[in-house]
Amino acid sequence: MARDGLHSRIRKYFIDDEPVNSGFVAYRGAVPMEQVERHADLRDVVAWLGPGLHLVQYPLRSGRMYNQVAVFRSQAYLRGEADWGGPAELAAAFAGCSEHVRESLSTLSIDNRWPMLDRRPMPDWARGRVALLGDAAHPMLQYLAQGACQALEDSAALAAELAAAGEAGRPFSEGLASYAALRAPRAMRIQRTARTWGEIWHVDGIARLIRDELLRARDVTDHKHVEWLYRDAASRPDADGAAEAAEVSPHAQVSTDRAAAVRDKESAS
């Protein structure tokens, strides 16, 4: 099994492709809750959305830690600059956001940044006695929070298919082929939908107004757009592999600001 990540060398055995750079970069930080002067609703994941950027906040470890992820589209990357997405660009990107968001950035670590990359979906993960797992097979953007989840689903399906092949006296390679055939449709759909979700989060203009109205009008208990993600068996191909045009996370509270980037939750209430 090859599980050597986004920059997998073994993947070249299957396809000659390269990671796709989205032009977005992320800064992350998890700190003890007592160090957080201002936080969002601790009962849920909260996303602050704006054109070309967002901030996600949520508690960890039963509320003892507070995790934050700030993501923005790098203008330096769009200009073709080699050094892009640095701390100065982070501060500039969020300068027009609400006070809550600006203050939250102070708890982020600026020592490390993560460019947001994925690869195009690939249906064939197994060949003979070689197969891919996790990001080596299906690296995806983070917008559905499914990267690690899909690697776990891969592992469960792989174990089941190899066990079934062994019990039936079939070759090891057949178990790998069955694993790949079962997992690829679901993982590819999630890859595509994650890209779509990122586009929806970061739109501007009329598209932003439409998105905001749909989110405001949506019943928070309505999960119809993402039922397939949590309902379908990890190893069962979904009947409809097309990405939904308007995937909406059932677990995220979303605040938006027409003026610049984000509306402070308190002023919106």
C-alpha atoms as a PDB file:
ATOM      1  CA  MET A   1       0.000   0.000   0.000  1.00  0.00           C
ATOM      2  CA  ALA A   2       1.205   3.495  -0.850  1.00  0.00           C
ATOM      3  CA  ARG A   3       0.053   6.119   1.635  1.00  0.00           C
ATOM      4  CA  ASP A   4       2.714   8.730   0.970  1.00  0.00           C
ATOM      5  CA  GLY A   5       0.416  11.750   0.868  1.00  0.00           C
ATOM      6  CA  LEU A   6      -0.312  14.630  -1.464  1.00  0.00           C
ATOM      7  CA  HIS A   7       3.152  14.509  -3.027  1.00  0.00           C
ATOM      8  CA  SER A   8       3.055  10.721  -3.471  1.00  0.00           C
ATOM      9  CA  ARG A   9       5.835   9.314  -5.611  1.00  0.00           C
ATOM     10  CA  ILE A  10       4.037   5.996  -6.014  1.00  0.00           C
ATOM     11  CA  ARG A  11       1.058   7.796  -7.595  1.00  0.00           C
ATOM     12  CA  LYS A  12       3.215   8.309 -10.703  1.00  0.00           C
ATOM     13  CA  TYR A  13       2.940   4.554 -11.225  1.00  0.00           C
ATOM     14  CA  PHE A  14      -0.744   5.220 -12.001  1.00  0.00           C
ATOM     15  CA  ILE A  15      -0.880   8.707 -13.505  1.00  0.00           C
ATOM     16  CA  ASP A  16       1.544  11.488 -14.384  1.00  0.00           C
ATOM     17  CA  ASP A  17      -0.125  14.452 -12.691  1.00  0.00           C
ATOM     18  CA  GLU A  18       0.855  17.169 -10.257  1.00  0.00           C
ATOM     19  CA  PRO A  19      -0.842  18.815  -7.259  1.00  0.00           C
ATOM     20  CA  VAL A  20      -3.207  21.663  -8.168  1.00  0.00           C
ATOM     21  CA  ASN A  21      -2.594  24.883  -6.230  1.00  0.00           C
ATOM     22  CA  SER A  22      -5.844  26.668  -5.357  1.00  0.00           C
ATOM     23  CA  GLY A  23      -4.036  29.929  -4.560  1.00  0.00           C
ATOM     24  CA  PHE A  24      -5.442  29.864  -1.020  1.00  0.00           C
ATOM     25  CA  VAL A  25      -3.349  29.562   2.119  1.00  0.00           C
ATOM     26  CA  ALA A  26      -4.301  28.588   5.690  1.00  0.00           C
ATOM     27  CA  TYR A  27      -3.023  29.620   9.101  1.00  0.00           C
ATOM     28  CA  ARG A  28      -3.996  27.475  12.077  1.00  0.00           C
ATOM     29  CA  GLY A  29      -3.885  27.774  15.833  1.00  0.00           C
ATOM     30  CA  ALA A  30      -5.252  25.787  18.792  1.00  0.00           C
ATOM     31  CA  VAL A  31      -4.855  27.483  22.185  1.00  0.00           C
ATOM     32  CA  PRO A  32      -6.134  26.888  25.732  1.00  0.00           C
ATOM     33  CA  MET A  33      -9.605  28.346  26.137  1.00  0.00           C
ATOM     34  CA  GLU A  34      -8.506  30.643  28.973  1.00  0.00           C
ATOM     35  CA  GLN A  35      -6.239  32.456  26.532  1.00  0.00           C
ATOM     36  CA  VAL A  36      -9.162  33.369  24.273  1.00  0.00           C
ATOM     37  CA  GLU A  37     -10.629  36.782  25.084  1.00  0.00           C
ATOM     38  CA  ARG A  38     -13.327  36.628  22.410  1.00  0.00           C
ATOM     39  CA  HIS A  39     -14.848  33.471  21.011  1.00  0.00           C
ATOM     40  CA  ALA A  40     -17.833  32.464  18.910  1.00  0.00           C
ATOM     41  CA  ASP A  41     -20.637  30.121  19.962  1.00  0.00           C
ATOM     42  CA  LEU A  42     -18.949  27.156  21.667  1.00  0.00           C
ATOM     43  CA  ARG A  43     -21.843  24.810  20.911  1.00  0.00           C
ATOM     44  CA  ASP A  44     -20.921  24.450  17.263  1.00  0.00           C
ATOM     45  CA  VAL A  45     -18.477  25.089  14.452  1.00  0.00           C
ATOM     46  CA  VAL A  46     -18.704  28.747  13.420  1.00  0.00           C
ATOM     47  CA  ALA A  47     -17.536  30.005  10.029  1.00  0.00           C
ATOM     48  CA  TRP A  48     -17.080  33.688   9.211  1.00  0.00           C
ATOM     49  CA  LEU A  49     -17.242  34.090   5.446  1.00  0.00           C
ATOM     50  CA  GLY A  50     -16.086  36.853   3.157  1.00  0.00           C
ATOM     51  CA  PRO A  51     -15.003  37.353  -0.446  1.00  0.00           C
ATOM     52  CA  GLY A  52     -11.876  35.290  -0.925  1.00  0.00           C
ATOM     53  CA  LEU A  53     -11.437  34.465   2.770  1.00  0.00           C
ATOM     54  CA  HIS A  54     -12.919  32.803   5.829  1.00  0.00           C
ATOM     55  CA  LEU A  55     -12.256  32.065   9.489  1.00  0.00           C
ATOM     56  CA  VAL A  56     -13.439  28.868  11.189  1.00  0.00           C
ATOM     57  CA  GLN A  57     -13.657  28.579  14.985  1.00  0.00           C
ATOM     58  CA  TYR A  58     -14.623  25.648  17.202  1.00  0.00           C
ATOM     59  CA  PRO A  59     -13.844  24.116  20.605  1.00  0.00           C
ATOM     60  CA  LEU A  60     -11.717  21.009  21.138  1.00  0.00           C
ATOM     61  CA  ARG A  61     -11.220  18.612  24.068  1.00  0.00           C
ATOM     62  CA  SER A  62     -14.596  19.283  25.699  1.00  0.00           C
ATOM     63  CA  GLY A  63     -14.093  23.020  25.481  1.00  0.00           C
ATOM     64  CA  ARG A  64     -10.610  23.132  26.986  1.00  0.00           C
ATOM     65  CA  MET A  65      -8.987  24.169  23.692  1.00  0.00           C
ATOM     66  CA  TYR A  66     -10.088  26.572  20.980  1.00  0.00           C
ATOM     67  CA  ASN A  67      -9.142  25.894  17.380  1.00  0.00           C
ATOM     68  CA  GLN A  68      -9.088  28.503  14.622  1.00  0.00           C
ATOM     69  CA  VAL A  69      -8.266  28.321  10.935  1.00  0.00           C
ATOM     70  CA  ALA A  70      -7.921  31.432   8.769  1.00  0.00           C
ATOM     71  CA  VAL A  71      -7.897  30.931   4.992  1.00  0.00           C
ATOM     72  CA  PHE A  72      -7.530  33.524   2.255  1.00  0.00           C
ATOM     73  CA  ARG A  73      -6.853  33.821  -1.465  1.00  0.00           C
ATOM     74  CA  SER A  74      -3.343  35.159  -1.986  1.00  0.00           C
ATOM     75  CA  GLN A  75      -3.089  38.099  -4.330  1.00  0.00           C
ATOM     76  CA  ALA A  76       0.678  37.593  -4.388  1.00  0.00           C
ATOM     77  CA  TYR A  77       0.097  34.098  -5.751  1.00  0.00           C
ATOM     78  CA  LEU A  78      -2.182  35.489  -8.447  1.00  0.00           C
ATOM     79  CA  ARG A  79       0.565  37.927  -9.400  1.00  0.00           C
ATOM     80  CA  GLY A  80       2.981  35.039  -9.787  1.00  0.00           C
ATOM     81  CA  GLU A  81       5.233  35.938  -6.866  1.00  0.00           C
ATOM     82  CA  ALA A  82       7.408  33.149  -5.499  1.00  0.00           C
ATOM     83  CA  ASP A  83       6.907  34.073  -1.833  1.00  0.00           C
ATOM     84  CA  TRP A  84       3.178  34.335  -1.277  1.00  0.00           C
ATOM     85  CA  GLY A  85       0.678  34.013   1.550  1.00  0.00           C
ATOM     86  CA  GLY A  86       2.961  35.386   4.267  1.00  0.00           C
ATOM     87  CA  PRO A  87       1.910  36.938   7.609  1.00  0.00           C
ATOM     88  CA  ALA A  88       1.792  40.465   6.172  1.00  0.00           C
ATOM     89  CA  GLU A  89      -0.599  39.305   3.458  1.00  0.00           C
ATOM     90  CA  LEU A  90      -2.693  37.507   6.077  1.00  0.00           C
ATOM     91  CA  ALA A  91      -3.103  40.737   8.042  1.00  0.00           C
ATOM     92  CA  ALA A  92      -3.903  42.740   4.912  1.00  0.00           C
ATOM     93  CA  ALA A  93      -6.467  40.211   3.693  1.00  0.00           C
ATOM     94  CA  PHE A  94      -8.442  40.363   6.962  1.00  0.00           C
ATOM     95  CA  ALA A  95      -7.980  44.087   7.635  1.00  0.00           C
ATOM     96  CA  GLY A  96     -11.531  44.908   6.541  1.00  0.00           C
ATOM     97  CA  CYS A  97     -13.194  42.242   8.687  1.00  0.00           C
ATOM     98  CA  SER A  98     -15.143  42.673  11.903  1.00  0.00           C
ATOM     99  CA  GLU A  99     -13.409  43.395  15.198  1.00  0.00           C
ATOM    100  CA  HIS A 100     -14.115  39.848  16.361  1.00  0.00           C
ATOM    101  CA  VAL A 101     -12.309  38.349  13.387  1.00  0.00           C
ATOM    102  CA  ARG A 102      -9.369  40.740  13.513  1.00  0.00           C
ATOM    103  CA  GLU A 103      -8.821  40.094  17.219  1.00  0.00           C
ATOM    104  CA  SER A 104      -9.072  36.346  16.663  1.00  0.00           C
ATOM    105  CA  LEU A 105      -6.103  36.407  14.308  1.00  0.00           C
ATOM    106  CA  SER A 106      -3.828  37.286  17.229  1.00  0.00           C
ATOM    107  CA  THR A 107      -4.060  33.708  18.533  1.00  0.00           C
ATOM    108  CA  LEU A 108      -3.020  32.137  15.234  1.00  0.00           C
ATOM    109  CA  SER A 109       0.468  30.811  14.765  1.00  0.00           C
ATOM    110  CA  ILE A 110       2.231  32.687  11.970  1.00  0.00           C
ATOM    111  CA  ASP A 111       5.301  30.454  12.021  1.00  0.00           C
ATOM    112  CA  ASN A 112       3.717  27.982   9.621  1.00  0.00           C
ATOM    113  CA  ARG A 113       1.313  28.314   6.736  1.00  0.00           C
ATOM    114  CA  TRP A 114      -0.338  25.688   4.591  1.00  0.00           C
ATOM    115  CA  PRO A 115      -0.939  26.281   0.861  1.00  0.00           C
ATOM    116  CA  MET A 116      -4.238  24.673  -0.135  1.00  0.00           C
ATOM    117  CA  LEU A 117      -3.593  22.013  -2.783  1.00  0.00           C
ATOM    118  CA  ASP A 118      -5.408  18.988  -4.124  1.00  0.00           C
ATOM    119  CA  ARG A 119      -5.254  16.830  -7.250  1.00  0.00           C
ATOM    120  CA  ARG A 120      -7.778  15.981  -9.913  1.00  0.00           C
ATOM    121  CA  PRO A 121      -9.907  12.910  -9.157  1.00  0.00           C
ATOM    122  CA  MET A 122      -8.424   9.618 -10.333  1.00  0.00           C
ATOM    123  CA  PRO A 123     -10.590   6.466 -10.582  1.00  0.00           C
ATOM    124  CA  ASP A 124      -7.858   3.809 -10.750  1.00  0.00           C
ATOM    125  CA  TRP A 125      -5.992   3.340  -7.477  1.00  0.00           C
ATOM    126  CA  ALA A 126      -4.886  -0.278  -7.794  1.00  0.00           C
ATOM    127  CA  ARG A 127      -2.669  -2.135 -10.215  1.00  0.00           C
ATOM    128  CA  GLY A 128      -1.473  -5.611  -9.461  1.00  0.00           C
ATOM    129  CA  ARG A 129      -0.084  -5.681  -5.910  1.00  0.00           C
ATOM    130  CA  VAL A 130       0.180  -1.872  -5.632  1.00  0.00           C
ATOM    131  CA  ALA A 131      -2.617   0.412  -4.435  1.00  0.00           C
ATOM    132  CA  LEU A 132      -2.997   3.935  -3.074  1.00  0.00           C
ATOM    133  CA  LEU A 133      -4.657   5.076   0.151  1.00  0.00           C
ATOM    134  CA  GLY A 134      -5.572   8.452   1.621  1.00  0.00           C
ATOM    135  CA  ASP A 135      -4.120  11.614   0.127  1.00  0.00           C
ATOM    136  CA  ALA A 136      -1.969   9.595  -2.248  1.00  0.00           C
ATOM    137  CA  ALA A 137      -5.201   8.454  -3.915  1.00  0.00           C
ATOM    138  CA  HIS A 138      -7.572  11.392  -3.381  1.00  0.00           C
ATOM    139  CA  PRO A 139      -6.053  14.577  -1.916  1.00  0.00           C
ATOM    140  CA  MET A 140      -8.844  17.090  -1.384  1.00  0.00           C
ATOM    141  CA  LEU A 141      -9.345  20.657  -0.288  1.00  0.00           C
ATOM    142  CA  GLN A 142     -10.375  21.059   3.334  1.00  0.00           C
ATOM    143  CA  TYR A 143     -13.838  22.556   2.943  1.00  0.00           C
ATOM    144  CA  LEU A 144     -15.770  19.406   3.856  1.00  0.00           C
ATOM    145  CA  ALA A 145     -13.250  18.402   6.564  1.00  0.00           C
ATOM    146  CA  GLN A 146     -12.971  14.965   4.987  1.00  0.00           C
ATOM    147  CA  GLY A 147      -9.268  14.387   4.333  1.00  0.00           C
ATOM    148  CA  ALA A 148      -8.524  12.237   7.377  1.00  0.00           C
ATOM    149  CA  CYS A 149     -12.054  10.800   7.373  1.00  0.00           C
ATOM    150  CA  GLN A 150     -11.648   9.437   3.864  1.00  0.00           C
ATOM    151  CA  ALA A 151      -8.309   7.856   4.742  1.00  0.00           C
ATOM    152  CA  LEU A 152     -10.036   6.039   7.612  1.00  0.00           C
ATOM    153  CA  GLU A 153     -12.815   4.905   5.298  1.00  0.00           C
ATOM    154  CA  ASP A 154     -10.154   3.671   2.879  1.00  0.00           C
ATOM    155  CA  SER A 155      -8.544   1.637   5.655  1.00  0.00           C
ATOM    156  CA  ALA A 156     -11.811   0.019   6.704  1.00  0.00           C
ATOM    157  CA  ALA A 157     -12.771  -0.866   3.137  1.00  0.00           C
ATOM    158  CA  LEU A 158      -9.264  -2.146   2.384  1.00  0.00           C
ATOM    159  CA  ALA A 159      -9.266  -4.434   5.403  1.00  0.00           C
ATOM    160  CA  ALA A 160     -12.687  -5.799   4.498  1.00  0.00           C
ATOM    161  CA  GLU A 161     -11.820  -6.445   0.857  1.00  0.00           C
ATOM    162  CA  LEU A 162      -8.487  -8.090   1.625  1.00  0.00           C
ATOM    163  CA  ALA A 163     -10.136 -10.300   4.239  1.00  0.00           C
ATOM    164  CA  ALA A 164     -12.864 -11.283   1.776  1.00  0.00           C
ATOM    165  CA  ALA A 165     -10.292 -12.110  -0.878  1.00  0.00           C
ATOM    166  CA  GLY A 166      -8.303 -14.214   1.564  1.00  0.00           C
ATOM    167  CA  GLU A 167     -11.362 -16.124   2.757  1.00  0.00           C
ATOM    168  CA  ALA A 168     -12.346 -16.851  -0.840  1.00  0.00           C
ATOM    169  CA  GLY A 169      -8.841 -17.931  -1.788  1.00  0.00           C
ATOM    170  CA  ARG A 170      -8.537 -15.122  -4.316  1.00  0.00           C
ATOM    171  CA  PRO A 171      -5.255 -13.325  -5.051  1.00  0.00           C
ATOM    172  CA  PHE A 172      -4.201 -10.357  -2.944  1.00  0.00           C
ATOM    173  CA  SER A 173      -4.325  -8.201  -6.081  1.00  0.00           C
ATOM    174  CA  GLU A 174      -8.048  -8.879  -6.490  1.00  0.00           C
ATOM    175  CA  GLY A 175      -8.711  -7.606  -2.996  1.00  0.00           C
ATOM    176  CA  LEU A 176      -6.861  -4.400  -3.837  1.00  0.00           C
ATOM    177  CA  ALA A 177      -8.811  -4.005  -7.064  1.00  0.00           C
ATOM    178  CA  SER A 178     -12.124  -4.479  -5.242  1.00  0.00           C
ATOM    179  CA  TYR A 179     -11.126  -1.928  -2.605  1.00  0.00           C
ATOM    180  CA  ALA A 180     -10.272   0.690  -5.229  1.00  0.00           C
ATOM    181  CA  ALA A 181     -13.413   0.056  -7.265  1.00  0.00           C
ATOM    182  CA  LEU A 182     -15.620   0.465  -4.196  1.00  0.00           C
ATOM    183  CA  ARG A 183     -13.945   3.525  -2.728  1.00  0.00           C
ATOM    184  CA  ALA A 184     -13.079   5.640  -5.776  1.00  0.00           C
ATOM    185  CA  PRO A 185     -16.580   6.917  -6.716  1.00  0.00           C
ATOM    186  CA  ARG A 186     -17.297   8.226  -3.226  1.00  0.00           C
ATOM    187  CA  ALA A 187     -13.869   9.792  -2.718  1.00  0.00           C
ATOM    188  CA  MET A 188     -13.932  11.446  -6.135  1.00  0.00           C
ATOM    189  CA  ARG A 189     -17.338  12.933  -5.415  1.00  0.00           C
ATOM    190  CA  ILE A 190     -16.058  14.394  -2.165  1.00  0.00           C
ATOM    191  CA  GLN A 191     -13.022  15.850  -3.946  1.00  0.00           C
ATOM    192  CA  ARG A 192     -15.253  17.609  -6.467  1.00  0.00           C
ATOM    193  CA  THR A 193     -17.747  18.783  -3.864  1.00  0.00           C
ATOM    194  CA  ALA A 194     -14.986  20.192  -1.655  1.00  0.00           C
ATOM    195  CA  ARG A 195     -13.911  22.383  -4.567  1.00  0.00           C
ATOM    196  CA  THR A 196     -17.491  23.539  -5.099  1.00  0.00           C
ATOM    197  CA  TRP A 197     -17.936  24.240  -1.393  1.00  0.00           C
ATOM    198  CA  GLY A 198     -14.814  26.411  -1.405  1.00  0.00           C
ATOM    199  CA  GLU A 199     -16.171  28.421  -4.321  1.00  0.00           C
ATOM    200  CA  ILE A 200     -19.472  28.968  -2.517  1.00  0.00           C
ATOM    201  CA  TRP A 201     -17.737  30.137   0.657  1.00  0.00           C
ATOM    202  CA  HIS A 202     -15.620  32.733  -1.132  1.00  0.00           C
ATOM    203  CA  VAL A 203     -17.915  34.289  -3.749  1.00  0.00           C
ATOM    204  CA  ASP A 204     -18.538  38.019  -4.069  1.00  0.00           C
ATOM    205  CA  GLY A 205     -21.086  40.253  -5.779  1.00  0.00           C
ATOM    206  CA  ILE A 206     -24.507  38.909  -6.709  1.00  0.00           C
ATOM    207  CA  ALA A 207     -23.421  35.334  -6.010  1.00  0.00           C
ATOM    208  CA  ARG A 208     -22.632  36.321  -2.430  1.00  0.00           C
ATOM    209  CA  LEU A 209     -26.051  37.923  -1.977  1.00  0.00           C
ATOM    210  CA  ILE A 210     -27.765  34.781  -3.260  1.00  0.00           C
ATOM    211  CA  ARG A 211     -25.651  32.530  -1.030  1.00  0.00           C
ATOM    212  CA  ASP A 212     -26.331  34.656   2.040  1.00  0.00           C
ATOM    213  CA  GLU A 213     -30.086  34.647   1.450  1.00  0.00           C
ATOM    214  CA  LEU A 214     -30.131  30.874   0.974  1.00  0.00           C
ATOM    215  CA  LEU A 215     -28.210  30.381   4.210  1.00  0.00           C
ATOM    216  CA  ARG A 216     -30.442  32.751   6.167  1.00  0.00           C
ATOM    217  CA  ALA A 217     -33.622  31.085   4.897  1.00  0.00           C
ATOM    218  CA  ARG A 218     -32.389  27.535   5.376  1.00  0.00           C
ATOM    219  CA  ASP A 219     -33.807  25.430   8.222  1.00  0.00           C
ATOM    220  CA  VAL A 220     -30.781  24.480  10.334  1.00  0.00           C
ATOM    221  CA  THR A 221     -32.161  20.949  10.690  1.00  0.00           C
ATOM    222  CA  ASP A 222     -32.317  20.475   6.915  1.00  0.00           C
ATOM    223  CA  HIS A 223     -29.399  18.248   5.896  1.00  0.00           C
ATOM    224  CA  LYS A 224     -30.634  17.271   2.457  1.00  0.00           C
ATOM    225  CA  HIS A 225     -27.633  18.673   0.600  1.00  0.00           C
ATOM    226  CA  VAL A 226     -25.097  16.604   2.527  1.00  0.00           C
ATOM    227  CA  GLU A 227     -27.036  13.530   3.602  1.00  0.00           C
ATOM    228  CA  TRP A 228     -25.056  11.484   1.094  1.00  0.00           C
ATOM    229  CA  LEU A 229     -21.793  12.418   2.832  1.00  0.00           C
ATOM    230  CA  TYR A 230     -22.812  11.017   6.220  1.00  0.00           C
ATOM    231  CA  ARG A 231     -25.412   8.450   5.195  1.00  0.00           C
ATOM    232  CA  ASP A 232     -23.742   6.397   2.484  1.00  0.00           C
ATOM    233  CA  ALA A 233     -21.616   3.422   3.396  1.00  0.00           C
ATOM    234  CA  ALA A 234     -17.912   4.168   3.118  1.00  0.00           C
ATOM    235  CA  SER A 235     -17.401   1.407   0.586  1.00  0.00           C
ATOM    236  CA  ARG A 236     -20.571   1.805  -1.477  1.00  0.00           C
ATOM    237  CA  PRO A 237     -20.489   3.878  -4.690  1.00  0.00           C
ATOM    238  CA  ASP A 238     -23.133   6.577  -4.616  1.00  0.00           C
ATOM    239  CA  ALA A 239     -25.801   6.451  -7.296  1.00  0.00           C
ATOM    240  CA  ASP A 240     -25.195  10.070  -8.166  1.00  0.00           C
ATOM    241  CA  GLY A 241     -21.519  10.931  -8.416  1.00  0.00           C
ATOM    242  CA  ALA A 242     -22.054  14.540  -9.502  1.00  0.00           C
ATOM    243  CA  ALA A 243     -21.106  17.266  -7.061  1.00  0.00           C
ATOM    244  CA  GLU A 244     -24.033  19.210  -5.647  1.00  0.00           C
ATOM    245  CA  ALA A 245     -24.112  22.783  -6.895  1.00  0.00           C
ATOM    246  CA  ALA A 246     -25.044  24.175  -3.502  1.00  0.00           C
ATOM    247  CA  GLU A 247     -23.628  21.942  -0.767  1.00  0.00           C
ATOM    248  CA  VAL A 248     -24.330  23.463   2.652  1.00  0.00           C
ATOM    249  CA  SER A 249     -22.701  22.109   5.810  1.00  0.00           C
ATOM    250  CA  PRO A 250     -25.351  21.103   8.363  1.00  0.00           C
ATOM    251  CA  HIS A 251     -22.951  21.762  11.229  1.00  0.00           C
ATOM    252  CA  ALA A 252     -21.743  25.304  10.473  1.00  0.00           C
ATOM    253  CA  GLN A 253     -23.228  28.563  11.628  1.00  0.00           C
ATOM    254  CA  VAL A 254     -22.352  31.195   9.047  1.00  0.00           C
ATOM    255  CA  SER A 255     -22.042  34.951   9.423  1.00  0.00           C
ATOM    256  CA  THR A 256     -21.501  37.299   6.480  1.00  0.00           C
ATOM    257  CA  ASP A 257     -20.815  40.982   5.944  1.00  0.00           C
ATOM    258  CA  ARG A 258     -21.790  42.817   2.759  1.00  0.00           C
ATOM    259  CA  ALA A 259     -19.438  45.716   3.391  1.00  0.00           C
ATOM    260  CA  ALA A 260     -16.086  43.981   3.489  1.00  0.00           C
ATOM    261  CA  ALA A 261     -15.775  40.466   4.780  1.00  0.00           C
ATOM    262  CA  VAL A 262     -17.514  39.393   7.928  1.00  0.00           C
ATOM    263  CA  ARG A 263     -20.313  40.619  10.163  1.00  0.00           C
ATOM    264  CA  ASP A 264     -19.747  40.538  13.886  1.00  0.00           C
ATOM    265  CA  LYS A 265     -22.204  38.019  15.273  1.00  0.00           C
ATOM    266  CA  GLU A 266     -23.265  40.252  18.144  1.00  0.00           C
ATOM    267  CA  SER A 267     -24.237  43.159  15.885  1.00  0.00           C
ATOM    268  CA  ALA A 268     -26.235  40.834  13.643  1.00  0.00           C
ATOM    269  CA  SER A 269     -28.433  39.598  16.474  1.00  0.00           C
END
